[in-house]
Amino acid sequence: MGIYSITVSLFVLTGRPCANNRTTEFRRFVQETEKELFALFKSIDHNHDNKLTKDELQAAFRTSLHLQVCRHLQDGATSHLSG
């Protein structure tokens, strides 16, 4: 859902346009989050067909889990050195 859809939805729900400061802040947050999610999507979509396959998702989860384990091990090693 794009920011336009959210703004239109808010207008329909409230009956008035969204122009206050909190709405602008929220709109900026949504736009930045959309950019981050799309970048993540593109990084997982290895064959660039704009679809995530089961294999692409499994590879992304494996990579994520591997990175988490490495960080955990590194944090543990660092705490043993300093403690």
N, C-alpha and C. Protein backbone atom coordinates (compact mmCIF):
# COMPACT_ATOMS: atom_id res chain seq x y z
N MET A 1 0.85 -1.18 0.00
CA MET A 1 0.00 0.00 0.00
C MET A 1 0.89 1.23 0.00
N GLY A 2 0.68 2.11 -0.94
CA GLY A 2 1.49 3.32 -1.03
C GLY A 2 0.97 4.42 -0.13
N ILE A 3 1.76 5.47 -0.01
CA ILE A 3 1.38 6.60 0.84
C ILE A 3 0.10 7.25 0.34
N TYR A 4 -0.10 7.25 -0.98
CA TYR A 4 -1.32 7.83 -1.54
C TYR A 4 -2.53 7.07 -1.03
N SER A 5 -2.45 5.74 -1.01
CA SER A 5 -3.57 4.92 -0.53
C SER A 5 -3.85 5.19 0.94
N ILE A 6 -2.79 5.34 1.73
CA ILE A 6 -2.98 5.61 3.16
C ILE A 6 -3.63 6.97 3.36
N THR A 7 -3.16 7.98 2.62
CA THR A 7 -3.74 9.32 2.74
C THR A 7 -5.20 9.32 2.33
N VAL A 8 -5.53 8.67 1.23
CA VAL A 8 -6.92 8.59 0.79
C VAL A 8 -7.75 7.85 1.84
N SER A 9 -7.21 6.77 2.38
CA SER A 9 -7.94 6.01 3.41
C SER A 9 -8.21 6.88 4.63
N LEU A 10 -7.20 7.66 5.06
CA LEU A 10 -7.39 8.54 6.21
C LEU A 10 -8.44 9.60 5.91
N PHE A 11 -8.44 10.12 4.68
CA PHE A 11 -9.43 11.11 4.30
C PHE A 11 -10.83 10.51 4.35
N VAL A 12 -10.98 9.30 3.84
CA VAL A 12 -12.28 8.63 3.84
C VAL A 12 -12.75 8.38 5.27
N LEU A 13 -11.82 7.93 6.13
CA LEU A 13 -12.20 7.63 7.51
C LEU A 13 -12.55 8.88 8.31
N THR A 14 -11.78 9.96 8.12
CA THR A 14 -11.98 11.14 8.94
C THR A 14 -12.87 12.18 8.29
N GLY A 15 -12.97 12.15 6.95
CA GLY A 15 -13.78 13.13 6.25
C GLY A 15 -13.09 14.47 6.06
N ARG A 16 -11.82 14.53 6.41
CA ARG A 16 -11.07 15.76 6.20
C ARG A 16 -9.66 15.44 5.72
N PRO A 17 -9.05 16.37 4.99
CA PRO A 17 -7.70 16.14 4.49
C PRO A 17 -6.69 16.05 5.63
N CYS A 18 -5.61 15.37 5.37
CA CYS A 18 -4.57 15.18 6.38
C CYS A 18 -3.46 16.19 6.13
N ALA A 19 -3.37 17.21 6.96
CA ALA A 19 -2.35 18.22 6.71
C ALA A 19 -1.65 18.68 7.98
N ASN A 20 -1.96 18.08 9.12
CA ASN A 20 -1.31 18.56 10.34
C ASN A 20 0.11 18.00 10.46
N ASN A 21 0.83 18.47 11.44
CA ASN A 21 2.23 18.12 11.61
C ASN A 21 2.43 16.63 11.90
N ARG A 22 1.57 16.05 12.72
CA ARG A 22 1.70 14.62 13.03
C ARG A 22 1.48 13.77 11.79
N THR A 23 0.56 14.19 10.94
CA THR A 23 0.29 13.45 9.71
C THR A 23 1.50 13.53 8.78
N THR A 24 2.10 14.70 8.70
CA THR A 24 3.30 14.86 7.87
C THR A 24 4.42 13.98 8.39
N GLU A 25 4.58 13.95 9.69
CA GLU A 25 5.58 13.09 10.31
C GLU A 25 5.29 11.62 10.01
N PHE A 26 4.04 11.23 10.14
CA PHE A 26 3.63 9.85 9.86
C PHE A 26 3.87 9.52 8.39
N ARG A 27 3.52 10.44 7.51
CA ARG A 27 3.71 10.24 6.07
C ARG A 27 5.19 10.02 5.76
N ARG A 28 6.05 10.82 6.38
CA ARG A 28 7.50 10.67 6.18
C ARG A 28 7.97 9.31 6.69
N PHE A 29 7.48 8.91 7.86
CA PHE A 29 7.82 7.60 8.42
C PHE A 29 7.41 6.47 7.47
N VAL A 30 6.19 6.54 6.95
CA VAL A 30 5.69 5.51 6.04
C VAL A 30 6.53 5.46 4.77
N GLN A 31 6.87 6.62 4.22
CA GLN A 31 7.67 6.66 3.00
C GLN A 31 9.05 6.05 3.22
N GLU A 32 9.69 6.38 4.34
CA GLU A 32 11.01 5.83 4.64
C GLU A 32 10.92 4.32 4.87
N THR A 33 9.89 3.89 5.57
CA THR A 33 9.72 2.46 5.83
C THR A 33 9.47 1.71 4.54
N GLU A 34 8.67 2.29 3.65
CA GLU A 34 8.43 1.68 2.34
C GLU A 34 9.73 1.51 1.57
N LYS A 35 10.57 2.52 1.60
CA LYS A 35 11.87 2.45 0.90
C LYS A 35 12.72 1.32 1.48
N GLU A 36 12.77 1.24 2.81
CA GLU A 36 13.57 0.20 3.46
C GLU A 36 13.04 -1.20 3.15
N LEU A 37 11.72 -1.35 3.18
CA LEU A 37 11.13 -2.66 2.88
C LEU A 37 11.36 -3.05 1.42
N PHE A 38 11.27 -2.07 0.52
CA PHE A 38 11.50 -2.38 -0.89
C PHE A 38 12.96 -2.75 -1.14
N ALA A 39 13.88 -2.07 -0.45
CA ALA A 39 15.30 -2.42 -0.56
C ALA A 39 15.54 -3.83 -0.05
N LEU A 40 14.90 -4.19 1.06
CA LEU A 40 15.01 -5.56 1.59
C LEU A 40 14.44 -6.56 0.60
N PHE A 41 13.29 -6.24 0.03
CA PHE A 41 12.66 -7.11 -0.96
C PHE A 41 13.61 -7.34 -2.13
N LYS A 42 14.19 -6.25 -2.66
CA LYS A 42 15.10 -6.37 -3.80
C LYS A 42 16.33 -7.19 -3.45
N SER A 43 16.80 -7.10 -2.21
CA SER A 43 17.98 -7.87 -1.82
C SER A 43 17.68 -9.36 -1.71
N ILE A 44 16.43 -9.71 -1.46
CA ILE A 44 16.03 -11.12 -1.36
C ILE A 44 15.68 -11.68 -2.73
N ASP A 45 15.17 -10.85 -3.63
CA ASP A 45 14.72 -11.28 -4.96
C ASP A 45 15.93 -11.42 -5.89
N HIS A 46 16.62 -12.55 -5.79
CA HIS A 46 17.88 -12.75 -6.52
C HIS A 46 17.72 -12.78 -8.03
N ASN A 47 16.62 -13.29 -8.54
CA ASN A 47 16.46 -13.36 -10.00
C ASN A 47 15.74 -12.13 -10.58
N HIS A 48 15.43 -11.17 -9.72
CA HIS A 48 14.87 -9.86 -10.13
C HIS A 48 13.58 -9.98 -10.94
N ASP A 49 12.71 -10.94 -10.54
CA ASP A 49 11.42 -11.08 -11.23
C ASP A 49 10.29 -10.41 -10.45
N ASN A 50 10.63 -9.69 -9.39
CA ASN A 50 9.67 -9.01 -8.52
C ASN A 50 8.71 -9.97 -7.83
N LYS A 51 9.18 -11.20 -7.62
CA LYS A 51 8.43 -12.21 -6.87
C LYS A 51 9.43 -12.91 -5.96
N LEU A 52 8.99 -13.22 -4.76
CA LEU A 52 9.85 -13.96 -3.85
C LEU A 52 9.46 -15.43 -3.88
N THR A 53 10.42 -16.26 -4.23
CA THR A 53 10.16 -17.69 -4.27
C THR A 53 10.48 -18.29 -2.90
N LYS A 54 10.03 -19.50 -2.72
CA LYS A 54 10.31 -20.23 -1.48
C LYS A 54 11.82 -20.33 -1.27
N ASP A 55 12.56 -20.64 -2.32
CA ASP A 55 14.01 -20.77 -2.21
C ASP A 55 14.68 -19.45 -1.82
N GLU A 56 14.20 -18.33 -2.40
CA GLU A 56 14.76 -17.03 -2.06
C GLU A 56 14.50 -16.68 -0.60
N LEU A 57 13.30 -16.97 -0.13
CA LEU A 57 12.98 -16.70 1.27
C LEU A 57 13.79 -17.58 2.21
N GLN A 58 13.92 -18.86 1.86
CA GLN A 58 14.71 -19.77 2.70
C GLN A 58 16.17 -19.31 2.78
N ALA A 59 16.71 -18.89 1.65
CA ALA A 59 18.09 -18.40 1.63
C ALA A 59 18.23 -17.15 2.50
N ALA A 60 17.24 -16.25 2.43
CA ALA A 60 17.28 -15.03 3.24
C ALA A 60 17.21 -15.36 4.72
N PHE A 61 16.35 -16.30 5.10
CA PHE A 61 16.25 -16.69 6.51
C PHE A 61 17.54 -17.36 6.99
N ARG A 62 18.13 -18.21 6.13
CA ARG A 62 19.39 -18.87 6.49
C ARG A 62 20.49 -17.83 6.72
N THR A 63 20.58 -16.87 5.81
CA THR A 63 21.58 -15.81 5.94
C THR A 63 21.35 -15.01 7.21
N SER A 64 20.12 -14.65 7.47
CA SER A 64 19.77 -13.87 8.66
C SER A 64 20.12 -14.64 9.92
N LEU A 65 19.76 -15.91 9.96
CA LEU A 65 20.06 -16.75 11.13
C LEU A 65 21.56 -16.88 11.31
N HIS A 66 22.28 -17.09 10.22
CA HIS A 66 23.73 -17.22 10.28
C HIS A 66 24.35 -15.95 10.86
N LEU A 67 23.89 -14.78 10.40
CA LEU A 67 24.41 -13.51 10.90
C LEU A 67 24.10 -13.32 12.38
N GLN A 68 22.91 -13.74 12.81
CA GLN A 68 22.54 -13.62 14.22
C GLN A 68 23.43 -14.50 15.08
N VAL A 69 23.69 -15.73 14.63
CA VAL A 69 24.55 -16.65 15.38
C VAL A 69 25.96 -16.08 15.46
N CYS A 70 26.47 -15.57 14.35
CA CYS A 70 27.82 -14.98 14.34
C CYS A 70 27.91 -13.81 15.31
N ARG A 71 26.90 -12.93 15.31
CA ARG A 71 26.89 -11.79 16.23
C ARG A 71 26.85 -12.26 17.68
N HIS A 72 26.03 -13.27 17.92
CA HIS A 72 25.91 -13.80 19.28
C HIS A 72 27.26 -14.38 19.74
N LEU A 73 27.89 -15.15 18.87
CA LEU A 73 29.18 -15.73 19.21
C LEU A 73 30.23 -14.64 19.41
N GLN A 74 30.20 -13.64 18.56
CA GLN A 74 31.15 -12.54 18.67
C GLN A 74 30.92 -11.76 19.97
N ASP A 75 29.66 -11.50 20.30
CA ASP A 75 29.33 -10.80 21.54
C ASP A 75 29.79 -11.61 22.75
N GLY A 76 29.60 -12.92 22.69
CA GLY A 76 30.03 -13.79 23.78
C GLY A 76 31.54 -13.79 23.93
N ALA A 77 32.25 -13.84 22.82
CA ALA A 77 33.71 -13.82 22.86
C ALA A 77 34.21 -12.50 23.40
N THR A 78 33.58 -11.41 23.00
CA THR A 78 33.98 -10.09 23.47
C THR A 78 33.73 -9.95 24.97
N SER A 79 32.60 -10.46 25.45
CA SER A 79 32.29 -10.34 26.88
C SER A 79 33.25 -11.18 27.72
N HIS A 80 33.72 -12.31 27.18
CA HIS A 80 34.69 -13.13 27.92
C HIS A 80 36.03 -12.44 28.00
N LEU A 81 36.38 -11.70 26.96
CA LEU A 81 37.66 -10.99 26.96
C LEU A 81 37.66 -9.81 27.93
N SER A 82 36.52 -9.15 28.03
CA SER A 82 36.45 -7.97 28.89
C SER A 82 36.10 -8.32 30.33
N GLY A 83 35.64 -9.54 30.56
CA GLY A 83 35.18 -9.90 31.91
C GLY A 83 36.06 -10.75 32.63
